[in-house]
Amino acid sequence: MAHKLTVTDIKHLGFDWPGYPLIEKYCVTENGKIDLDETLEKMQSSRAYHKKQLNDAYAFKRQTGADYSDFSDRFDDYARMERQLGEAITYIEKIIGVIGK
């Protein structure tokens, strides 16, 4: 079942929209409605990418003994994005959960 709602519909469910700045960035709209499933999928894909980058950084450090300062700017960005995407994903999942009831 596709979960497509207008901003007004989402607000009537008791949620602020977009709720998190990242949701606006990843939001998929179609005919004036927000496709929550597609938005969620895009955010999950991006989160998986950022998680992979974090894991690669940890592996690099373990293998080489490199100091985190060698790649800390990117590492911090990946960690921040992974965390923020996780929060935004949970928010979208809550909205979808309410719709499913």
PDB file of N, CA and C in Angstrom:
ATOM      1  N   MET A   1       0.841  -1.181   0.000  1.00  0.00           N
ATOM      2  CA  MET A   1       0.000   0.000   0.000  1.00  0.00           C
ATOM      3  C   MET A   1       0.886   1.244   0.000  1.00  0.00           C
ATOM      4  N   ALA A   2       0.647   2.123  -0.932  1.00  0.00           N
ATOM      5  CA  ALA A   2       1.412   3.364  -1.024  1.00  0.00           C
ATOM      6  C   ALA A   2       0.862   4.366  -0.010  1.00  0.00           C
ATOM      7  N   HIS A   3       1.769   5.002   0.666  1.00  0.00           N
ATOM      8  CA  HIS A   3       1.399   6.004   1.661  1.00  0.00           C
ATOM      9  C   HIS A   3       1.679   7.388   1.083  1.00  0.00           C
ATOM     10  N   LYS A   4       0.646   7.993   0.522  1.00  0.00           N
ATOM     11  CA  LYS A   4       0.776   9.320  -0.071  1.00  0.00           C
ATOM     12  C   LYS A   4      -0.233  10.248   0.590  1.00  0.00           C
ATOM     13  N   LEU A   5       0.292  11.322   1.163  1.00  0.00           N
ATOM     14  CA  LEU A   5      -0.544  12.275   1.877  1.00  0.00           C
ATOM     15  C   LEU A   5      -0.135  13.700   1.549  1.00  0.00           C
ATOM     16  N   THR A   6      -1.064  14.607   1.702  1.00  0.00           N
ATOM     17  CA  THR A   6      -0.731  16.020   1.573  1.00  0.00           C
ATOM     18  C   THR A   6      -0.145  16.485   2.901  1.00  0.00           C
ATOM     19  N   VAL A   7       0.476  17.646   2.883  1.00  0.00           N
ATOM     20  CA  VAL A   7       1.013  18.229   4.117  1.00  0.00           C
ATOM     21  C   VAL A   7      -0.127  18.426   5.122  1.00  0.00           C
ATOM     22  N   THR A   8      -1.265  18.865   4.645  1.00  0.00           N
ATOM     23  CA  THR A   8      -2.422  19.075   5.514  1.00  0.00           C
ATOM     24  C   THR A   8      -2.855  17.762   6.163  1.00  0.00           C
ATOM     25  N   ASP A   9      -2.890  16.684   5.376  1.00  0.00           N
ATOM     26  CA  ASP A   9      -3.250  15.367   5.925  1.00  0.00           C
ATOM     27  C   ASP A   9      -2.294  14.967   7.045  1.00  0.00           C
ATOM     28  N   ILE A  10      -1.015  15.193   6.820  1.00  0.00           N
ATOM     29  CA  ILE A  10       0.000  14.836   7.822  1.00  0.00           C
ATOM     30  C   ILE A  10      -0.191  15.665   9.090  1.00  0.00           C
ATOM     31  N   LYS A  11      -0.464  16.940   8.912  1.00  0.00           N
ATOM     32  CA  LYS A  11      -0.682  17.807  10.073  1.00  0.00           C
ATOM     33  C   LYS A  11      -1.936  17.404  10.843  1.00  0.00           C
ATOM     34  N   HIS A  12      -2.969  16.942  10.135  1.00  0.00           N
ATOM     35  CA  HIS A  12      -4.188  16.477  10.801  1.00  0.00           C
ATOM     36  C   HIS A  12      -3.935  15.213  11.618  1.00  0.00           C
ATOM     37  N   LEU A  13      -2.911  14.474  11.274  1.00  0.00           N
ATOM     38  CA  LEU A  13      -2.534  13.286  12.048  1.00  0.00           C
ATOM     39  C   LEU A  13      -1.773  13.667  13.319  1.00  0.00           C
ATOM     40  N   GLY A  14      -1.411  14.955  13.433  1.00  0.00           N
ATOM     41  CA  GLY A  14      -0.719  15.439  14.623  1.00  0.00           C
ATOM     42  C   GLY A  14       0.790  15.575  14.468  1.00  0.00           C
ATOM     43  N   PHE A  15       1.268  15.560  13.252  1.00  0.00           N
ATOM     44  CA  PHE A  15       2.706  15.674  12.997  1.00  0.00           C
ATOM     45  C   PHE A  15       3.029  17.017  12.355  1.00  0.00           C
ATOM     46  N   ASP A  16       4.168  17.585  12.729  1.00  0.00           N
ATOM     47  CA  ASP A  16       4.687  18.759  12.027  1.00  0.00           C
ATOM     48  C   ASP A  16       5.292  18.263  10.727  1.00  0.00           C
ATOM     49  N   TRP A  17       5.215  19.092   9.697  1.00  0.00           N
ATOM     50  CA  TRP A  17       5.868  18.718   8.444  1.00  0.00           C
ATOM     51  C   TRP A  17       6.765  19.838   8.009  1.00  0.00           C
ATOM     52  N   PRO A  18       8.004  19.586   7.701  1.00  0.00           N
ATOM     53  CA  PRO A  18       8.613  18.273   7.534  1.00  0.00           C
ATOM     54  C   PRO A  18       9.118  17.653   8.830  1.00  0.00           C
ATOM     55  N   GLY A  19       9.133  18.391   9.917  1.00  0.00           N
ATOM     56  CA  GLY A  19       9.574  17.809  11.183  1.00  0.00           C
ATOM     57  C   GLY A  19      11.080  17.846  11.363  1.00  0.00           C
ATOM     58  N   TYR A  20      11.813  17.434  10.360  1.00  0.00           N
ATOM     59  CA  TYR A  20      13.279  17.466  10.367  1.00  0.00           C
ATOM     60  C   TYR A  20      13.740  18.057   9.033  1.00  0.00           C
ATOM     61  N   PRO A  21      14.755  18.919   9.064  1.00  0.00           N
ATOM     62  CA  PRO A  21      15.227  19.541   7.818  1.00  0.00           C
ATOM     63  C   PRO A  21      15.605  18.527   6.733  1.00  0.00           C
ATOM     64  N   LEU A  22      16.157  17.392   7.114  1.00  0.00           N
ATOM     65  CA  LEU A  22      16.554  16.402   6.104  1.00  0.00           C
ATOM     66  C   LEU A  22      15.370  15.814   5.351  1.00  0.00           C
ATOM     67  N   ILE A  23      14.220  15.763   5.998  1.00  0.00           N
ATOM     68  CA  ILE A  23      13.048  15.220   5.311  1.00  0.00           C
ATOM     69  C   ILE A  23      12.727  16.062   4.092  1.00  0.00           C
ATOM     70  N   GLU A  24      12.838  17.362   4.240  1.00  0.00           N
ATOM     71  CA  GLU A  24      12.564  18.263   3.121  1.00  0.00           C
ATOM     72  C   GLU A  24      13.521  17.987   1.962  1.00  0.00           C
ATOM     73  N   LYS A  25      14.766  17.700   2.284  1.00  0.00           N
ATOM     74  CA  LYS A  25      15.776  17.424   1.264  1.00  0.00           C
ATOM     75  C   LYS A  25      15.462  16.141   0.486  1.00  0.00           C
ATOM     76  N   TYR A  26      14.972  15.131   1.167  1.00  0.00           N
ATOM     77  CA  TYR A  26      14.734  13.825   0.547  1.00  0.00           C
ATOM     78  C   TYR A  26      13.282  13.604   0.117  1.00  0.00           C
ATOM     79  N   CYS A  27      12.422  14.548   0.416  1.00  0.00           N
ATOM     80  CA  CYS A  27      10.989  14.403   0.180  1.00  0.00           C
ATOM     81  C   CYS A  27      10.657  14.165  -1.299  1.00  0.00           C
ATOM     82  N   VAL A  28       9.834  13.146  -1.533  1.00  0.00           N
ATOM     83  CA  VAL A  28       9.356  12.835  -2.886  1.00  0.00           C
ATOM     84  C   VAL A  28       7.880  13.219  -2.936  1.00  0.00           C
ATOM     85  N   THR A  29       7.547  14.114  -3.853  1.00  0.00           N
ATOM     86  CA  THR A  29       6.153  14.527  -4.002  1.00  0.00           C
ATOM     87  C   THR A  29       5.636  14.112  -5.371  1.00  0.00           C
ATOM     88  N   GLU A  30       4.350  13.849  -5.396  1.00  0.00           N
ATOM     89  CA  GLU A  30       3.693  13.445  -6.639  1.00  0.00           C
ATOM     90  C   GLU A  30       2.273  13.987  -6.599  1.00  0.00           C
ATOM     91  N   ASN A  31       1.947  14.827  -7.547  1.00  0.00           N
ATOM     92  CA  ASN A  31       0.608  15.408  -7.634  1.00  0.00           C
ATOM     93  C   ASN A  31       0.178  16.083  -6.335  1.00  0.00           C
ATOM     94  N   GLY A  32       1.085  16.816  -5.718  1.00  0.00           N
ATOM     95  CA  GLY A  32       0.758  17.550  -4.506  1.00  0.00           C
ATOM     96  C   GLY A  32       0.734  16.712  -3.243  1.00  0.00           C
ATOM     97  N   LYS A  33       1.059  15.441  -3.366  1.00  0.00           N
ATOM     98  CA  LYS A  33       1.084  14.561  -2.198  1.00  0.00           C
ATOM     99  C   LYS A  33       2.501  14.079  -1.942  1.00  0.00           C
ATOM    100  N   ILE A  34       2.796  13.869  -0.686  1.00  0.00           N
ATOM    101  CA  ILE A  34       4.103  13.371  -0.296  1.00  0.00           C
ATOM    102  C   ILE A  34       4.059  11.855  -0.319  1.00  0.00           C
ATOM    103  N   ASP A  35       4.973  11.270  -1.062  1.00  0.00           N
ATOM    104  CA  ASP A  35       5.081   9.815  -1.113  1.00  0.00           C
ATOM    105  C   ASP A  35       6.014   9.401   0.028  1.00  0.00           C
ATOM    106  N   LEU A  36       5.413   9.012   1.137  1.00  0.00           N
ATOM    107  CA  LEU A  36       6.188   8.675   2.329  1.00  0.00           C
ATOM    108  C   LEU A  36       7.073   7.455   2.109  1.00  0.00           C
ATOM    109  N   ASP A  37       6.595   6.494   1.333  1.00  0.00           N
ATOM    110  CA  ASP A  37       7.381   5.284   1.079  1.00  0.00           C
ATOM    111  C   ASP A  37       8.642   5.596   0.279  1.00  0.00           C
ATOM    112  N   GLU A  38       8.510   6.384  -0.776  1.00  0.00           N
ATOM    113  CA  GLU A  38       9.668   6.752  -1.591  1.00  0.00           C
ATOM    114  C   GLU A  38      10.628   7.645  -0.812  1.00  0.00           C
ATOM    115  N   THR A  39      10.073   8.550  -0.029  1.00  0.00           N
ATOM    116  CA  THR A  39      10.906   9.418   0.802  1.00  0.00           C
ATOM    117  C   THR A  39      11.702   8.576   1.793  1.00  0.00           C
ATOM    118  N   LEU A  40      11.029   7.631   2.424  1.00  0.00           N
ATOM    119  CA  LEU A  40      11.685   6.742   3.374  1.00  0.00           C
ATOM    120  C   LEU A  40      12.781   5.922   2.694  1.00  0.00           C
ATOM    121  N   GLU A  41      12.487   5.416   1.514  1.00  0.00           N
ATOM    122  CA  GLU A  41      13.473   4.616   0.777  1.00  0.00           C
ATOM    123  C   GLU A  41      14.720   5.432   0.435  1.00  0.00           C
ATOM    124  N   LYS A  42      14.538   6.665  -0.005  1.00  0.00           N
ATOM    125  CA  LYS A  42      15.686   7.529  -0.317  1.00  0.00           C
ATOM    126  C   LYS A  42      16.530   7.793   0.926  1.00  0.00           C
ATOM    127  N   MET A  43      15.874   8.050   2.030  1.00  0.00           N
ATOM    128  CA  MET A  43      16.605   8.334   3.264  1.00  0.00           C
ATOM    129  C   MET A  43      17.332   7.089   3.766  1.00  0.00           C
ATOM    130  N   GLN A  44      16.703   5.926   3.655  1.00  0.00           N
ATOM    131  CA  GLN A  44      17.353   4.685   4.085  1.00  0.00           C
ATOM    132  C   GLN A  44      18.575   4.383   3.226  1.00  0.00           C
ATOM    133  N   SER A  45      18.474   4.638   1.937  1.00  0.00           N
ATOM    134  CA  SER A  45      19.602   4.421   1.033  1.00  0.00           C
ATOM    135  C   SER A  45      20.764   5.349   1.392  1.00  0.00           C
ATOM    136  N   SER A  46      20.451   6.595   1.650  1.00  0.00           N
ATOM    137  CA  SER A  46      21.488   7.554   2.014  1.00  0.00           C
ATOM    138  C   SER A  46      22.107   7.194   3.365  1.00  0.00           C
ATOM    139  N   ARG A  47      21.274   6.756   4.289  1.00  0.00           N
ATOM    140  CA  ARG A  47      21.802   6.356   5.599  1.00  0.00           C
ATOM    141  C   ARG A  47      22.732   5.155   5.463  1.00  0.00           C
ATOM    142  N   ALA A  48      22.371   4.204   4.621  1.00  0.00           N
ATOM    143  CA  ALA A  48      23.225   3.033   4.396  1.00  0.00           C
ATOM    144  C   ALA A  48      24.577   3.461   3.825  1.00  0.00           C
ATOM    145  N   TYR A  49      24.567   4.430   2.919  1.00  0.00           N
ATOM    146  CA  TYR A  49      25.815   4.954   2.354  1.00  0.00           C
ATOM    147  C   TYR A  49      26.685   5.549   3.458  1.00  0.00           C
ATOM    148  N   HIS A  50      26.092   6.388   4.297  1.00  0.00           N
ATOM    149  CA  HIS A  50      26.855   7.031   5.367  1.00  0.00           C
ATOM    150  C   HIS A  50      27.366   6.006   6.381  1.00  0.00           C
ATOM    151  N   LYS A  51      26.562   4.997   6.674  1.00  0.00           N
ATOM    152  CA  LYS A  51      27.020   3.929   7.582  1.00  0.00           C
ATOM    153  C   LYS A  51      28.214   3.199   6.987  1.00  0.00           C
ATOM    154  N   LYS A  52      28.155   2.925   5.683  1.00  0.00           N
ATOM    155  CA  LYS A  52      29.257   2.245   5.015  1.00  0.00           C
ATOM    156  C   LYS A  52      30.526   3.085   5.096  1.00  0.00           C
ATOM    157  N   GLN A  53      30.392   4.371   4.888  1.00  0.00           N
ATOM    158  CA  GLN A  53      31.550   5.251   4.969  1.00  0.00           C
ATOM    159  C   GLN A  53      32.146   5.236   6.382  1.00  0.00           C
ATOM    160  N   LEU A  54      31.293   5.229   7.391  1.00  0.00           N
ATOM    161  CA  LEU A  54      31.777   5.157   8.770  1.00  0.00           C
ATOM    162  C   LEU A  54      32.500   3.836   9.018  1.00  0.00           C
ATOM    163  N   ASN A  55      31.892   2.750   8.564  1.00  0.00           N
ATOM    164  CA  ASN A  55      32.519   1.436   8.739  1.00  0.00           C
ATOM    165  C   ASN A  55      33.856   1.359   8.014  1.00  0.00           C
ATOM    166  N   ASP A  56      33.916   1.926   6.813  1.00  0.00           N
ATOM    167  CA  ASP A  56      35.172   1.951   6.065  1.00  0.00           C
ATOM    168  C   ASP A  56      36.237   2.756   6.809  1.00  0.00           C
ATOM    169  N   ALA A  57      35.825   3.856   7.419  1.00  0.00           N
ATOM    170  CA  ALA A  57      36.772   4.683   8.182  1.00  0.00           C
ATOM    171  C   ALA A  57      37.297   3.916   9.394  1.00  0.00           C
ATOM    172  N   TYR A  58      36.405   3.233  10.098  1.00  0.00           N
ATOM    173  CA  TYR A  58      36.847   2.419  11.239  1.00  0.00           C
ATOM    174  C   TYR A  58      37.812   1.327  10.781  1.00  0.00           C
ATOM    175  N   ALA A  59      37.473   0.665   9.678  1.00  0.00           N
ATOM    176  CA  ALA A  59      38.337  -0.400   9.159  1.00  0.00           C
ATOM    177  C   ALA A  59      39.700   0.164   8.764  1.00  0.00           C
ATOM    178  N   PHE A  60      39.720   1.322   8.135  1.00  0.00           N
ATOM    179  CA  PHE A  60      40.970   1.965   7.736  1.00  0.00           C
ATOM    180  C   PHE A  60      41.827   2.255   8.967  1.00  0.00           C
ATOM    181  N   LYS A  61      41.187   2.780  10.005  1.00  0.00           N
ATOM    182  CA  LYS A  61      41.931   3.085  11.233  1.00  0.00           C
ATOM    183  C   LYS A  61      42.501   1.808  11.851  1.00  0.00           C
ATOM    184  N   ARG A  62      41.690   0.758  11.899  1.00  0.00           N
ATOM    185  CA  ARG A  62      42.161  -0.505  12.483  1.00  0.00           C
ATOM    186  C   ARG A  62      43.315  -1.104  11.674  1.00  0.00           C
ATOM    187  N   GLN A  63      43.213  -1.031  10.373  1.00  0.00           N
ATOM    188  CA  GLN A  63      44.227  -1.650   9.513  1.00  0.00           C
ATOM    189  C   GLN A  63      45.530  -0.865   9.485  1.00  0.00           C
ATOM    190  N   THR A  64      45.416   0.451   9.531  1.00  0.00           N
ATOM    191  CA  THR A  64      46.610   1.278   9.350  1.00  0.00           C
ATOM    192  C   THR A  64      47.092   1.938  10.631  1.00  0.00           C
ATOM    193  N   GLY A  65      46.222   1.998  11.629  1.00  0.00           N
ATOM    194  CA  GLY A  65      46.579   2.715  12.847  1.00  0.00           C
ATOM    195  C   GLY A  65      46.548   4.216  12.654  1.00  0.00           C
ATOM    196  N   ALA A  66      45.948   4.671  11.559  1.00  0.00           N
ATOM    197  CA  ALA A  66      45.879   6.102  11.257  1.00  0.00           C
ATOM    198  C   ALA A  66      45.127   6.842  12.351  1.00  0.00           C
ATOM    199  N   ASP A  67      45.509   8.062  12.540  1.00  0.00           N
ATOM    200  CA  ASP A  67      44.842   8.924  13.500  1.00  0.00           C
ATOM    201  C   ASP A  67      43.538   9.421  12.869  1.00  0.00           C
ATOM    202  N   TYR A  68      42.488   9.532  13.666  1.00  0.00           N
ATOM    203  CA  TYR A  68      41.214  10.023  13.145  1.00  0.00           C
ATOM    204  C   TYR A  68      41.338  11.423  12.555  1.00  0.00           C
ATOM    205  N   SER A  69      42.319  12.186  13.009  1.00  0.00           N
ATOM    206  CA  SER A  69      42.470  13.543  12.476  1.00  0.00           C
ATOM    207  C   SER A  69      42.804  13.512  10.986  1.00  0.00           C
ATOM    208  N   ASP A  70      43.280  12.362  10.485  1.00  0.00           N
ATOM    209  CA  ASP A  70      43.577  12.249   9.054  1.00  0.00           C
ATOM    210  C   ASP A  70      42.321  12.332   8.201  1.00  0.00           C
ATOM    211  N   PHE A  71      41.183  11.992   8.780  1.00  0.00           N
ATOM    212  CA  PHE A  71      39.946  12.020   8.011  1.00  0.00           C
ATOM    213  C   PHE A  71      38.762  12.478   8.860  1.00  0.00           C
ATOM    214  N   SER A  72      39.034  13.262   9.901  1.00  0.00           N
ATOM    215  CA  SER A  72      37.991  13.613  10.866  1.00  0.00           C
ATOM    216  C   SER A  72      36.885  14.491  10.296  1.00  0.00           C
ATOM    217  N   ASP A  73      37.194  15.375   9.344  1.00  0.00           N
ATOM    218  CA  ASP A  73      36.139  16.227   8.791  1.00  0.00           C
ATOM    219  C   ASP A  73      35.063  15.379   8.127  1.00  0.00           C
ATOM    220  N   ARG A  74      35.479  14.482   7.282  1.00  0.00           N
ATOM    221  CA  ARG A  74      34.511  13.609   6.614  1.00  0.00           C
ATOM    222  C   ARG A  74      33.853  12.670   7.616  1.00  0.00           C
ATOM    223  N   PHE A  75      34.650  12.134   8.521  1.00  0.00           N
ATOM    224  CA  PHE A  75      34.126  11.213   9.516  1.00  0.00           C
ATOM    225  C   PHE A  75      33.011  11.876  10.315  1.00  0.00           C
ATOM    226  N   ASP A  76      33.229  13.098  10.753  1.00  0.00           N
ATOM    227  CA  ASP A  76      32.217  13.832  11.518  1.00  0.00           C
ATOM    228  C   ASP A  76      30.960  14.061  10.689  1.00  0.00           C
ATOM    229  N   ASP A  77      31.133  14.405   9.411  1.00  0.00           N
ATOM    230  CA  ASP A  77      29.986  14.609   8.530  1.00  0.00           C
ATOM    231  C   ASP A  77      29.190  13.320   8.346  1.00  0.00           C
ATOM    232  N   TYR A  78      29.892  12.221   8.128  1.00  0.00           N
ATOM    233  CA  TYR A  78      29.207  10.930   7.946  1.00  0.00           C
ATOM    234  C   TYR A  78      28.453  10.541   9.210  1.00  0.00           C
ATOM    235  N   ALA A  79      29.079  10.719  10.368  1.00  0.00           N
ATOM    236  CA  ALA A  79      28.429  10.370  11.631  1.00  0.00           C
ATOM    237  C   ALA A  79      27.205  11.255  11.875  1.00  0.00           C
ATOM    238  N   ARG A  80      27.342  12.539  11.602  1.00  0.00           N
ATOM    239  CA  ARG A  80      26.225  13.472  11.786  1.00  0.00           C
ATOM    240  C   ARG A  80      25.066  13.119  10.865  1.00  0.00           C
ATOM    241  N   MET A  81      25.369  12.883   9.602  1.00  0.00           N
ATOM    242  CA  MET A  81      24.325  12.551   8.632  1.00  0.00           C
ATOM    243  C   MET A  81      23.651  11.225   8.978  1.00  0.00           C
ATOM    244  N   GLU A  82      24.427  10.242   9.377  1.00  0.00           N
ATOM    245  CA  GLU A  82      23.859   8.936   9.728  1.00  0.00           C
ATOM    246  C   GLU A  82      22.897   9.089  10.903  1.00  0.00           C
ATOM    247  N   ARG A  83      23.284   9.870  11.893  1.00  0.00           N
ATOM    248  CA  ARG A  83      22.437  10.092  13.066  1.00  0.00           C
ATOM    249  C   ARG A  83      21.175  10.872  12.711  1.00  0.00           C
ATOM    250  N   GLN A  84      21.336  11.947  11.947  1.00  0.00           N
ATOM    251  CA  GLN A  84      20.181  12.772  11.581  1.00  0.00           C
ATOM    252  C   GLN A  84      19.214  12.015  10.674  1.00  0.00           C
ATOM    253  N   LEU A  85      19.759  11.233   9.761  1.00  0.00           N
ATOM    254  CA  LEU A  85      18.893  10.429   8.904  1.00  0.00           C
ATOM    255  C   LEU A  85      18.133   9.396   9.732  1.00  0.00           C
ATOM    256  N   GLY A  86      18.794   8.819  10.719  1.00  0.00           N
ATOM    257  CA  GLY A  86      18.118   7.858  11.591  1.00  0.00           C
ATOM    258  C   GLY A  86      16.923   8.486  12.301  1.00  0.00           C
ATOM    259  N   GLU A  87      17.101   9.701  12.795  1.00  0.00           N
ATOM    260  CA  GLU A  87      16.007  10.410  13.467  1.00  0.00           C
ATOM    261  C   GLU A  87      14.870  10.712  12.492  1.00  0.00           C
ATOM    262  N   ALA A  88      15.214  11.169  11.298  1.00  0.00           N
ATOM    263  CA  ALA A  88      14.201  11.504  10.297  1.00  0.00           C
ATOM    264  C   ALA A  88      13.462  10.249   9.817  1.00  0.00           C
ATOM    265  N   ILE A  89      14.182   9.160   9.665  1.00  0.00           N
ATOM    266  CA  ILE A  89      13.567   7.893   9.254  1.00  0.00           C
ATOM    267  C   ILE A  89      12.564   7.431  10.308  1.00  0.00           C
ATOM    268  N   THR A  90      12.942   7.516  11.561  1.00  0.00           N
ATOM    269  CA  THR A  90      12.041   7.129  12.647  1.00  0.00           C
ATOM    270  C   THR A  90      10.770   7.978  12.618  1.00  0.00           C
ATOM    271  N   TYR A  91      10.917   9.255  12.313  1.00  0.00           N
ATOM    272  CA  TYR A  91       9.774  10.160  12.233  1.00  0.00           C
ATOM    273  C   TYR A  91       8.822   9.739  11.111  1.00  0.00           C
ATOM    274  N   ILE A  92       9.362   9.456   9.941  1.00  0.00           N
ATOM    275  CA  ILE A  92       8.532   9.019   8.805  1.00  0.00           C
ATOM    276  C   ILE A  92       7.856   7.689   9.150  1.00  0.00           C
ATOM    277  N   GLU A  93       8.592   6.791   9.778  1.00  0.00           N
ATOM    278  CA  GLU A  93       8.020   5.498  10.157  1.00  0.00           C
ATOM    279  C   GLU A  93       6.862   5.668  11.143  1.00  0.00           C
ATOM    280  N   LYS A  94       6.957   6.646  12.030  1.00  0.00           N
ATOM    281  CA  LYS A  94       5.857   6.923  12.964  1.00  0.00           C
ATOM    282  C   LYS A  94       4.612   7.378  12.208  1.00  0.00           C
ATOM    283  N   ILE A  95       4.814   8.249  11.232  1.00  0.00           N
ATOM    284  CA  ILE A  95       3.677   8.725  10.432  1.00  0.00           C
ATOM    285  C   ILE A  95       3.041   7.551   9.710  1.00  0.00           C
ATOM    286  N   ILE A  96       3.851   6.729   9.068  1.00  0.00           N
ATOM    287  CA  ILE A  96       3.324   5.561   8.352  1.00  0.00           C
ATOM    288  C   ILE A  96       2.619   4.615   9.314  1.00  0.00           C
ATOM    289  N   GLY A  97       3.142   4.476  10.529  1.00  0.00           N
ATOM    290  CA  GLY A  97       2.514   3.625  11.525  1.00  0.00           C
ATOM    291  C   GLY A  97       1.127   4.099  11.911  1.00  0.00           C
ATOM    292  N   VAL A  98       0.950   5.406  12.013  1.00  0.00           N
ATOM    293  CA  VAL A  98      -0.358   5.965  12.345  1.00  0.00           C
ATOM    294  C   VAL A  98      -1.332   5.722  11.202  1.00  0.00           C
ATOM    295  N   ILE A  99      -0.873   5.860   9.977  1.00  0.00           N
ATOM    296  CA  ILE A  99      -1.733   5.650   8.813  1.00  0.00           C
ATOM    297  C   ILE A  99      -2.213   4.207   8.761  1.00  0.00           C
ATOM    298  N   GLY A 100      -1.321   3.296   9.115  1.00  0.00           N
ATOM    299  CA  GLY A 100      -1.632   1.873   9.031  1.00  0.00           C
ATOM    300  C   GLY A 100      -2.672   1.398  10.033  1.00  0.00           C
ATOM    301  N   LYS A 101      -2.961   2.222  11.036  1.00  0.00           N
ATOM    302  CA  LYS A 101      -3.926   1.825  12.076  1.00  0.00           C
ATOM    303  C   LYS A 101      -5.345   1.931  11.595  1.00  0.00           C
TER     304      LYS A 101
END
